[in-house]
């Protein structure tokens, strides 16, 4: 977690982003506002598929890259500072590029979707069952429309 004083920090090491860091910050802030998370803080890391694969293996035991990982930090935190920090989101830009072609989308839309997806996970939503996935997809679609 590396919050820069604002509500959203964007970190990208040697990754060309399809949106400026400022646009990504504004996008995430708008999502947080829509979800009524006025003081929530999030850090978004952008990585390549090789880094994402290592992280997915380490944290989920799955030896392949994924689009988005979320690391919530709010759970069980008692003081005000920890309640404000939602957690970290890690996004693979390479996977976003691949998926944009696969889903006939754009890289910007995929990144927006992954930010929404990550924030929903940070807020405690799960997508491990069919009904939970359906609920999350509905929420994602609704948020995308509002952006």
N, C-alpha and C. Protein backbone atom coordinates (compact mmCIF):
# COMPACT_ATOMS: atom_id res chain seq x y z
N UNK A 1 0.85 -1.18 0.00
CA UNK A 1 0.00 0.00 0.00
C UNK A 1 0.89 1.23 0.00
N UNK A 2 0.67 2.07 -0.97
CA UNK A 2 1.46 3.30 -1.10
C UNK A 2 0.53 4.44 -1.46
N UNK A 3 -0.15 4.98 -0.49
CA UNK A 3 -1.08 6.08 -0.74
C UNK A 3 -0.31 7.39 -0.79
N UNK A 4 -0.56 8.17 -1.82
CA UNK A 4 0.20 9.39 -2.07
C UNK A 4 -0.41 10.63 -1.45
N UNK A 5 -1.29 10.51 -0.54
CA UNK A 5 -1.95 11.66 0.04
C UNK A 5 -3.37 11.81 -0.48
N UNK A 6 -3.65 11.29 -1.66
CA UNK A 6 -5.00 11.30 -2.21
C UNK A 6 -5.71 10.02 -1.83
N UNK A 7 -6.86 9.81 -2.43
CA UNK A 7 -7.63 8.59 -2.13
C UNK A 7 -7.15 7.40 -2.94
N UNK A 8 -6.54 7.67 -4.09
CA UNK A 8 -6.13 6.60 -4.99
C UNK A 8 -4.68 6.82 -5.41
N UNK A 9 -3.90 5.76 -5.30
CA UNK A 9 -2.52 5.77 -5.81
C UNK A 9 -2.45 4.80 -6.98
N UNK A 10 -1.73 5.19 -8.01
CA UNK A 10 -1.54 4.33 -9.17
C UNK A 10 -0.04 4.10 -9.34
N UNK A 11 0.34 2.83 -9.37
CA UNK A 11 1.75 2.47 -9.52
C UNK A 11 1.90 1.57 -10.73
N UNK A 12 2.84 1.94 -11.58
CA UNK A 12 3.07 1.19 -12.81
C UNK A 12 4.56 1.18 -13.09
N UNK A 13 5.17 0.04 -12.94
CA UNK A 13 6.60 -0.07 -13.21
C UNK A 13 6.84 -0.64 -14.60
N UNK A 14 7.39 0.17 -15.48
CA UNK A 14 7.75 -0.27 -16.83
C UNK A 14 6.57 -0.84 -17.62
N UNK A 15 5.37 -0.37 -17.33
CA UNK A 15 4.16 -0.80 -18.04
C UNK A 15 3.55 0.44 -18.70
N UNK A 16 3.30 0.37 -19.98
CA UNK A 16 2.63 1.47 -20.68
C UNK A 16 1.14 1.34 -20.43
N UNK A 17 0.57 2.34 -19.82
CA UNK A 17 -0.85 2.31 -19.47
C UNK A 17 -1.71 2.88 -20.60
N UNK A 18 -2.90 2.32 -20.80
CA UNK A 18 -3.80 2.82 -21.85
C UNK A 18 -4.50 4.12 -21.45
N UNK A 19 -4.42 4.48 -20.18
CA UNK A 19 -4.99 5.72 -19.65
C UNK A 19 -3.91 6.40 -18.82
N UNK A 20 -3.99 7.70 -18.66
CA UNK A 20 -3.03 8.38 -17.80
C UNK A 20 -3.30 8.01 -16.34
N UNK A 21 -2.29 8.15 -15.51
CA UNK A 21 -2.47 7.87 -14.08
C UNK A 21 -3.56 8.77 -13.50
N UNK A 22 -3.59 10.02 -13.94
CA UNK A 22 -4.60 10.96 -13.44
C UNK A 22 -6.01 10.48 -13.80
N UNK A 23 -6.20 9.98 -15.02
CA UNK A 23 -7.52 9.49 -15.43
C UNK A 23 -7.90 8.24 -14.63
N UNK A 24 -6.93 7.37 -14.38
CA UNK A 24 -7.20 6.17 -13.58
C UNK A 24 -7.59 6.56 -12.16
N UNK A 25 -6.87 7.53 -11.60
CA UNK A 25 -7.20 8.00 -10.24
C UNK A 25 -8.61 8.57 -10.20
N UNK A 26 -8.96 9.41 -11.19
CA UNK A 26 -10.31 10.00 -11.23
C UNK A 26 -11.38 8.92 -11.40
N UNK A 27 -11.11 7.94 -12.23
CA UNK A 27 -12.04 6.84 -12.45
C UNK A 27 -12.28 6.08 -11.15
N UNK A 28 -11.21 5.71 -10.46
CA UNK A 28 -11.35 4.97 -9.20
C UNK A 28 -12.05 5.82 -8.14
N UNK A 29 -11.72 7.11 -8.08
CA UNK A 29 -12.39 7.99 -7.12
C UNK A 29 -13.88 8.08 -7.40
N UNK A 30 -14.25 8.14 -8.67
CA UNK A 30 -15.67 8.19 -9.02
C UNK A 30 -16.38 6.91 -8.61
N UNK A 31 -15.75 5.77 -8.84
CA UNK A 31 -16.33 4.48 -8.42
C UNK A 31 -16.53 4.47 -6.91
N UNK A 32 -15.51 4.89 -6.18
CA UNK A 32 -15.61 4.93 -4.72
C UNK A 32 -16.74 5.86 -4.27
N UNK A 33 -16.88 6.99 -4.94
CA UNK A 33 -17.96 7.93 -4.60
C UNK A 33 -19.33 7.34 -4.87
N UNK A 34 -19.49 6.70 -6.02
CA UNK A 34 -20.78 6.07 -6.36
C UNK A 34 -21.14 5.02 -5.31
N UNK A 35 -20.12 4.31 -4.82
CA UNK A 35 -20.34 3.27 -3.81
C UNK A 35 -20.41 3.83 -2.38
N UNK A 36 -20.40 5.17 -2.29
CA UNK A 36 -20.52 5.87 -1.01
C UNK A 36 -19.35 5.56 -0.06
N UNK A 37 -18.18 5.40 -0.65
CA UNK A 37 -16.95 5.19 0.11
C UNK A 37 -16.15 6.49 0.04
N UNK A 38 -16.63 7.50 0.77
CA UNK A 38 -16.09 8.85 0.64
C UNK A 38 -14.65 9.01 1.11
N UNK A 39 -14.24 8.27 2.13
CA UNK A 39 -12.88 8.41 2.65
C UNK A 39 -11.99 7.22 2.33
N UNK A 40 -12.49 6.30 1.54
CA UNK A 40 -11.74 5.07 1.25
C UNK A 40 -10.49 5.38 0.42
N UNK A 41 -9.43 4.63 0.72
CA UNK A 41 -8.18 4.78 0.00
C UNK A 41 -7.81 3.44 -0.64
N UNK A 42 -7.33 3.52 -1.88
CA UNK A 42 -7.00 2.33 -2.66
C UNK A 42 -5.68 2.58 -3.39
N UNK A 43 -4.91 1.52 -3.51
CA UNK A 43 -3.69 1.58 -4.32
C UNK A 43 -3.86 0.58 -5.47
N UNK A 44 -3.63 1.05 -6.69
CA UNK A 44 -3.79 0.20 -7.87
C UNK A 44 -2.42 0.02 -8.52
N UNK A 45 -1.99 -1.24 -8.61
CA UNK A 45 -0.72 -1.59 -9.22
C UNK A 45 -0.98 -2.18 -10.60
N UNK A 46 -0.23 -1.76 -11.60
CA UNK A 46 -0.34 -2.32 -12.93
C UNK A 46 0.93 -3.13 -13.21
N UNK A 47 0.73 -4.37 -13.63
CA UNK A 47 1.84 -5.30 -13.85
C UNK A 47 1.69 -5.99 -15.20
N UNK A 48 2.72 -6.75 -15.58
CA UNK A 48 2.64 -7.57 -16.79
C UNK A 48 2.17 -8.98 -16.41
N UNK A 49 1.94 -9.82 -17.41
CA UNK A 49 1.44 -11.17 -17.15
C UNK A 49 2.43 -12.02 -16.35
N UNK A 50 3.73 -11.83 -16.57
CA UNK A 50 4.72 -12.63 -15.84
C UNK A 50 4.62 -12.36 -14.33
N UNK A 51 4.53 -11.08 -13.97
CA UNK A 51 4.39 -10.71 -12.55
C UNK A 51 3.05 -11.19 -12.01
N UNK A 52 2.00 -11.03 -12.78
CA UNK A 52 0.67 -11.45 -12.34
C UNK A 52 0.64 -12.96 -12.13
N UNK A 53 1.27 -13.70 -13.00
CA UNK A 53 1.31 -15.16 -12.85
C UNK A 53 1.98 -15.55 -11.53
N UNK A 54 3.10 -14.91 -11.22
CA UNK A 54 3.80 -15.19 -9.96
C UNK A 54 2.91 -14.87 -8.76
N UNK A 55 2.22 -13.75 -8.82
CA UNK A 55 1.35 -13.35 -7.71
C UNK A 55 0.16 -14.29 -7.58
N UNK A 56 -0.42 -14.67 -8.71
CA UNK A 56 -1.58 -15.57 -8.69
C UNK A 56 -1.18 -16.93 -8.11
N UNK A 57 0.02 -17.39 -8.45
CA UNK A 57 0.52 -18.66 -7.90
C UNK A 57 0.77 -18.53 -6.40
N UNK A 58 1.41 -17.46 -6.00
CA UNK A 58 1.74 -17.26 -4.59
C UNK A 58 0.50 -17.11 -3.71
N UNK A 59 -0.46 -16.33 -4.14
CA UNK A 59 -1.60 -15.99 -3.28
C UNK A 59 -2.84 -16.84 -3.50
N UNK A 60 -2.96 -17.47 -4.69
CA UNK A 60 -4.16 -18.27 -4.96
C UNK A 60 -3.84 -19.70 -5.35
N UNK A 61 -2.56 -20.00 -5.55
CA UNK A 61 -2.16 -21.36 -5.93
C UNK A 61 -2.51 -21.71 -7.36
N UNK A 62 -2.71 -20.70 -8.21
CA UNK A 62 -3.08 -20.90 -9.61
C UNK A 62 -1.92 -20.43 -10.48
N UNK A 63 -1.35 -21.33 -11.26
CA UNK A 63 -0.14 -21.04 -12.03
C UNK A 63 -0.46 -20.52 -13.43
N UNK A 64 -1.10 -19.36 -13.47
CA UNK A 64 -1.38 -18.66 -14.72
C UNK A 64 -1.72 -17.21 -14.38
N UNK A 65 -1.54 -16.32 -15.34
CA UNK A 65 -1.91 -14.93 -15.04
C UNK A 65 -3.43 -14.80 -14.95
N UNK A 66 -3.85 -13.75 -14.31
CA UNK A 66 -5.28 -13.42 -14.21
C UNK A 66 -5.42 -11.94 -14.49
N UNK A 67 -6.64 -11.46 -14.59
CA UNK A 67 -6.84 -10.05 -14.92
C UNK A 67 -6.65 -9.13 -13.72
N UNK A 68 -7.13 -9.55 -12.56
CA UNK A 68 -7.19 -8.66 -11.41
C UNK A 68 -7.07 -9.46 -10.11
N UNK A 69 -6.26 -8.96 -9.20
CA UNK A 69 -6.20 -9.51 -7.84
C UNK A 69 -6.51 -8.37 -6.88
N UNK A 70 -7.18 -8.69 -5.79
CA UNK A 70 -7.52 -7.68 -4.79
C UNK A 70 -7.06 -8.17 -3.42
N UNK A 71 -6.48 -7.25 -2.67
CA UNK A 71 -5.96 -7.55 -1.34
C UNK A 71 -6.60 -6.60 -0.33
N UNK A 72 -7.73 -7.02 0.26
CA UNK A 72 -8.43 -6.15 1.21
C UNK A 72 -7.62 -5.95 2.49
N UNK A 73 -7.74 -4.75 3.04
CA UNK A 73 -7.04 -4.43 4.28
C UNK A 73 -7.98 -3.91 5.35
N UNK A 74 -9.22 -3.75 5.03
CA UNK A 74 -10.17 -3.15 5.97
C UNK A 74 -10.62 -4.15 7.03
N UNK A 75 -10.64 -5.42 6.73
CA UNK A 75 -11.20 -6.43 7.62
C UNK A 75 -10.58 -6.38 9.01
N UNK A 76 -11.45 -6.27 10.00
CA UNK A 76 -11.02 -6.36 11.39
C UNK A 76 -10.25 -5.16 11.89
N UNK A 77 -10.08 -4.15 11.08
CA UNK A 77 -9.32 -2.98 11.52
C UNK A 77 -10.18 -2.11 12.41
N UNK A 78 -9.65 -1.77 13.56
CA UNK A 78 -10.44 -1.02 14.53
C UNK A 78 -10.26 0.47 14.48
N UNK A 79 -9.09 0.97 14.07
CA UNK A 79 -8.91 2.42 14.13
C UNK A 79 -9.31 3.09 12.82
N UNK A 80 -9.48 4.39 12.89
CA UNK A 80 -10.00 5.15 11.75
C UNK A 80 -9.13 5.03 10.50
N UNK A 81 -7.83 5.08 10.66
CA UNK A 81 -6.93 5.03 9.51
C UNK A 81 -7.11 3.72 8.76
N UNK A 82 -7.18 2.61 9.48
CA UNK A 82 -7.33 1.32 8.82
C UNK A 82 -8.71 1.15 8.19
N UNK A 83 -9.72 1.79 8.75
CA UNK A 83 -11.04 1.70 8.12
C UNK A 83 -11.06 2.45 6.80
N UNK A 84 -10.22 3.47 6.67
CA UNK A 84 -10.17 4.23 5.43
C UNK A 84 -9.43 3.48 4.33
N UNK A 85 -8.46 2.65 4.68
CA UNK A 85 -7.67 1.95 3.67
C UNK A 85 -8.41 0.68 3.26
N UNK A 86 -8.92 0.69 2.03
CA UNK A 86 -9.62 -0.50 1.53
C UNK A 86 -8.63 -1.61 1.19
N UNK A 87 -7.56 -1.27 0.49
CA UNK A 87 -6.58 -2.27 0.13
C UNK A 87 -5.94 -1.99 -1.21
N UNK A 88 -5.34 -3.05 -1.77
CA UNK A 88 -4.61 -2.95 -3.02
C UNK A 88 -5.30 -3.76 -4.11
N UNK A 89 -5.19 -3.25 -5.33
CA UNK A 89 -5.68 -3.94 -6.52
C UNK A 89 -4.49 -4.09 -7.45
N UNK A 90 -4.32 -5.27 -8.00
CA UNK A 90 -3.26 -5.52 -8.98
C UNK A 90 -3.94 -5.90 -10.29
N UNK A 91 -3.55 -5.22 -11.36
CA UNK A 91 -4.18 -5.42 -12.67
C UNK A 91 -3.10 -5.75 -13.71
N UNK A 92 -3.36 -6.76 -14.52
CA UNK A 92 -2.46 -7.10 -15.62
C UNK A 92 -2.90 -6.36 -16.87
N UNK A 93 -2.05 -5.45 -17.34
CA UNK A 93 -2.34 -4.70 -18.56
C UNK A 93 -2.30 -5.64 -19.77
N UNK A 94 -1.39 -6.61 -19.75
CA UNK A 94 -1.32 -7.57 -20.87
C UNK A 94 -2.62 -8.36 -20.99
N UNK A 95 -3.14 -8.82 -19.88
CA UNK A 95 -4.41 -9.57 -19.90
C UNK A 95 -5.54 -8.66 -20.37
N UNK A 96 -5.53 -7.40 -19.96
CA UNK A 96 -6.55 -6.45 -20.42
C UNK A 96 -6.50 -6.31 -21.94
N UNK A 97 -5.29 -6.23 -22.48
CA UNK A 97 -5.15 -6.12 -23.94
C UNK A 97 -5.69 -7.37 -24.64
N UNK A 98 -5.30 -8.54 -24.12
CA UNK A 98 -5.78 -9.79 -24.71
C UNK A 98 -7.30 -9.90 -24.62
N UNK A 99 -7.84 -9.61 -23.43
CA UNK A 99 -9.28 -9.75 -23.23
C UNK A 99 -10.09 -8.74 -24.03
N UNK A 100 -9.51 -7.59 -24.29
CA UNK A 100 -10.26 -6.60 -25.09
C UNK A 100 -10.53 -7.14 -26.49
N UNK A 101 -9.58 -7.87 -27.04
CA UNK A 101 -9.81 -8.51 -28.34
C UNK A 101 -10.77 -9.66 -28.24
N UNK A 102 -10.62 -10.46 -27.21
CA UNK A 102 -11.46 -11.63 -27.01
C UNK A 102 -12.92 -11.25 -26.79
N UNK A 103 -13.15 -10.20 -26.02
CA UNK A 103 -14.52 -9.78 -25.69
C UNK A 103 -15.03 -8.65 -26.58
N UNK A 104 -14.29 -8.32 -27.65
CA UNK A 104 -14.65 -7.24 -28.55
C UNK A 104 -14.92 -5.96 -27.77
N UNK A 105 -13.98 -5.62 -26.91
CA UNK A 105 -14.06 -4.47 -26.02
C UNK A 105 -12.90 -3.54 -26.35
N UNK A 106 -12.58 -2.64 -25.45
CA UNK A 106 -11.38 -1.81 -25.56
C UNK A 106 -10.54 -2.05 -24.32
N UNK A 107 -9.26 -1.74 -24.42
CA UNK A 107 -8.38 -1.91 -23.27
C UNK A 107 -8.84 -0.99 -22.14
N UNK A 108 -9.26 0.23 -22.48
CA UNK A 108 -9.73 1.17 -21.46
C UNK A 108 -10.95 0.63 -20.73
N UNK A 109 -11.88 0.02 -21.46
CA UNK A 109 -13.06 -0.55 -20.83
C UNK A 109 -12.69 -1.73 -19.94
N UNK A 110 -11.76 -2.57 -20.40
CA UNK A 110 -11.32 -3.70 -19.58
C UNK A 110 -10.67 -3.21 -18.29
N UNK A 111 -9.80 -2.20 -18.39
CA UNK A 111 -9.15 -1.65 -17.20
C UNK A 111 -10.20 -1.08 -16.25
N UNK A 112 -11.18 -0.37 -16.79
CA UNK A 112 -12.26 0.18 -15.96
C UNK A 112 -13.00 -0.93 -15.25
N UNK A 113 -13.31 -1.99 -15.97
CA UNK A 113 -14.01 -3.14 -15.39
C UNK A 113 -13.17 -3.78 -14.29
N UNK A 114 -11.86 -3.92 -14.50
CA UNK A 114 -11.01 -4.55 -13.49
C UNK A 114 -10.90 -3.67 -12.24
N UNK A 115 -10.90 -2.36 -12.42
CA UNK A 115 -10.87 -1.47 -11.26
C UNK A 115 -12.17 -1.63 -10.47
N UNK A 116 -13.29 -1.64 -11.15
CA UNK A 116 -14.58 -1.87 -10.49
C UNK A 116 -14.56 -3.22 -9.77
N UNK A 117 -14.15 -4.26 -10.49
CA UNK A 117 -14.12 -5.62 -9.94
C UNK A 117 -13.25 -5.67 -8.68
N UNK A 118 -12.08 -5.06 -8.77
CA UNK A 118 -11.17 -5.04 -7.62
C UNK A 118 -11.75 -4.31 -6.43
N UNK A 119 -12.36 -3.16 -6.67
CA UNK A 119 -12.96 -2.40 -5.57
C UNK A 119 -14.09 -3.19 -4.93
N UNK A 120 -14.91 -3.83 -5.74
CA UNK A 120 -16.00 -4.65 -5.18
C UNK A 120 -15.43 -5.77 -4.30
N UNK A 121 -14.34 -6.40 -4.73
CA UNK A 121 -13.69 -7.41 -3.90
C UNK A 121 -13.17 -6.79 -2.60
N UNK A 122 -12.58 -5.60 -2.68
CA UNK A 122 -12.08 -4.94 -1.48
C UNK A 122 -13.20 -4.65 -0.50
N UNK A 123 -14.40 -4.43 -1.03
CA UNK A 123 -15.56 -4.16 -0.19
C UNK A 123 -16.23 -5.44 0.33
N UNK A 124 -15.66 -6.59 -0.03
CA UNK A 124 -16.14 -7.85 0.52
C UNK A 124 -16.98 -8.70 -0.40
N UNK A 125 -17.26 -8.24 -1.61
CA UNK A 125 -18.04 -9.07 -2.52
C UNK A 125 -17.20 -10.22 -3.03
N UNK A 126 -17.83 -11.36 -3.18
CA UNK A 126 -17.16 -12.57 -3.66
C UNK A 126 -17.77 -12.95 -5.00
N UNK A 127 -17.03 -13.76 -5.75
CA UNK A 127 -17.55 -14.28 -7.01
C UNK A 127 -17.21 -15.76 -7.15
N UNK A 128 -17.31 -16.46 -6.03
CA UNK A 128 -16.92 -17.88 -6.00
C UNK A 128 -18.08 -18.84 -6.28
N UNK A 129 -19.30 -18.34 -6.26
CA UNK A 129 -20.45 -19.18 -6.60
C UNK A 129 -21.19 -18.54 -7.77
N UNK A 130 -22.04 -19.30 -8.42
CA UNK A 130 -22.78 -18.79 -9.58
C UNK A 130 -23.65 -17.59 -9.20
N UNK A 131 -24.34 -17.67 -8.07
CA UNK A 131 -25.22 -16.56 -7.67
C UNK A 131 -24.41 -15.33 -7.28
N UNK A 132 -23.27 -15.53 -6.63
CA UNK A 132 -22.41 -14.39 -6.26
C UNK A 132 -21.81 -13.74 -7.51
N UNK A 133 -21.41 -14.56 -8.48
CA UNK A 133 -20.88 -14.04 -9.75
C UNK A 133 -21.94 -13.21 -10.47
N UNK A 134 -23.16 -13.71 -10.47
CA UNK A 134 -24.26 -13.01 -11.14
C UNK A 134 -24.48 -11.64 -10.49
N UNK A 135 -24.48 -11.61 -9.16
CA UNK A 135 -24.66 -10.36 -8.44
C UNK A 135 -23.52 -9.39 -8.75
N UNK A 136 -22.28 -9.91 -8.75
CA UNK A 136 -21.14 -9.05 -9.03
C UNK A 136 -21.19 -8.52 -10.45
N UNK A 137 -21.53 -9.35 -11.42
CA UNK A 137 -21.62 -8.91 -12.83
C UNK A 137 -22.67 -7.82 -12.99
N UNK A 138 -23.80 -7.97 -12.28
CA UNK A 138 -24.86 -6.96 -12.32
C UNK A 138 -24.34 -5.62 -11.78
N UNK A 139 -23.63 -5.69 -10.66
CA UNK A 139 -23.09 -4.47 -10.06
C UNK A 139 -22.03 -3.84 -10.98
N UNK A 140 -21.18 -4.66 -11.56
CA UNK A 140 -20.16 -4.16 -12.48
C UNK A 140 -20.80 -3.45 -13.66
N UNK A 141 -21.80 -4.07 -14.26
CA UNK A 141 -22.49 -3.48 -15.42
C UNK A 141 -23.14 -2.15 -15.04
N UNK A 142 -23.76 -2.10 -13.88
CA UNK A 142 -24.39 -0.87 -13.42
C UNK A 142 -23.38 0.25 -13.20
N UNK A 143 -22.25 -0.10 -12.61
CA UNK A 143 -21.21 0.91 -12.39
C UNK A 143 -20.59 1.37 -13.70
N UNK A 144 -20.36 0.44 -14.62
CA UNK A 144 -19.81 0.83 -15.93
C UNK A 144 -20.72 1.82 -16.63
N UNK A 145 -22.02 1.60 -16.54
CA UNK A 145 -22.98 2.51 -17.19
C UNK A 145 -22.90 3.90 -16.57
N UNK A 146 -22.68 3.97 -15.26
CA UNK A 146 -22.64 5.25 -14.56
C UNK A 146 -21.35 6.02 -14.82
N UNK A 147 -20.36 5.33 -15.33
CA UNK A 147 -19.08 6.01 -15.62
C UNK A 147 -19.18 6.66 -16.98
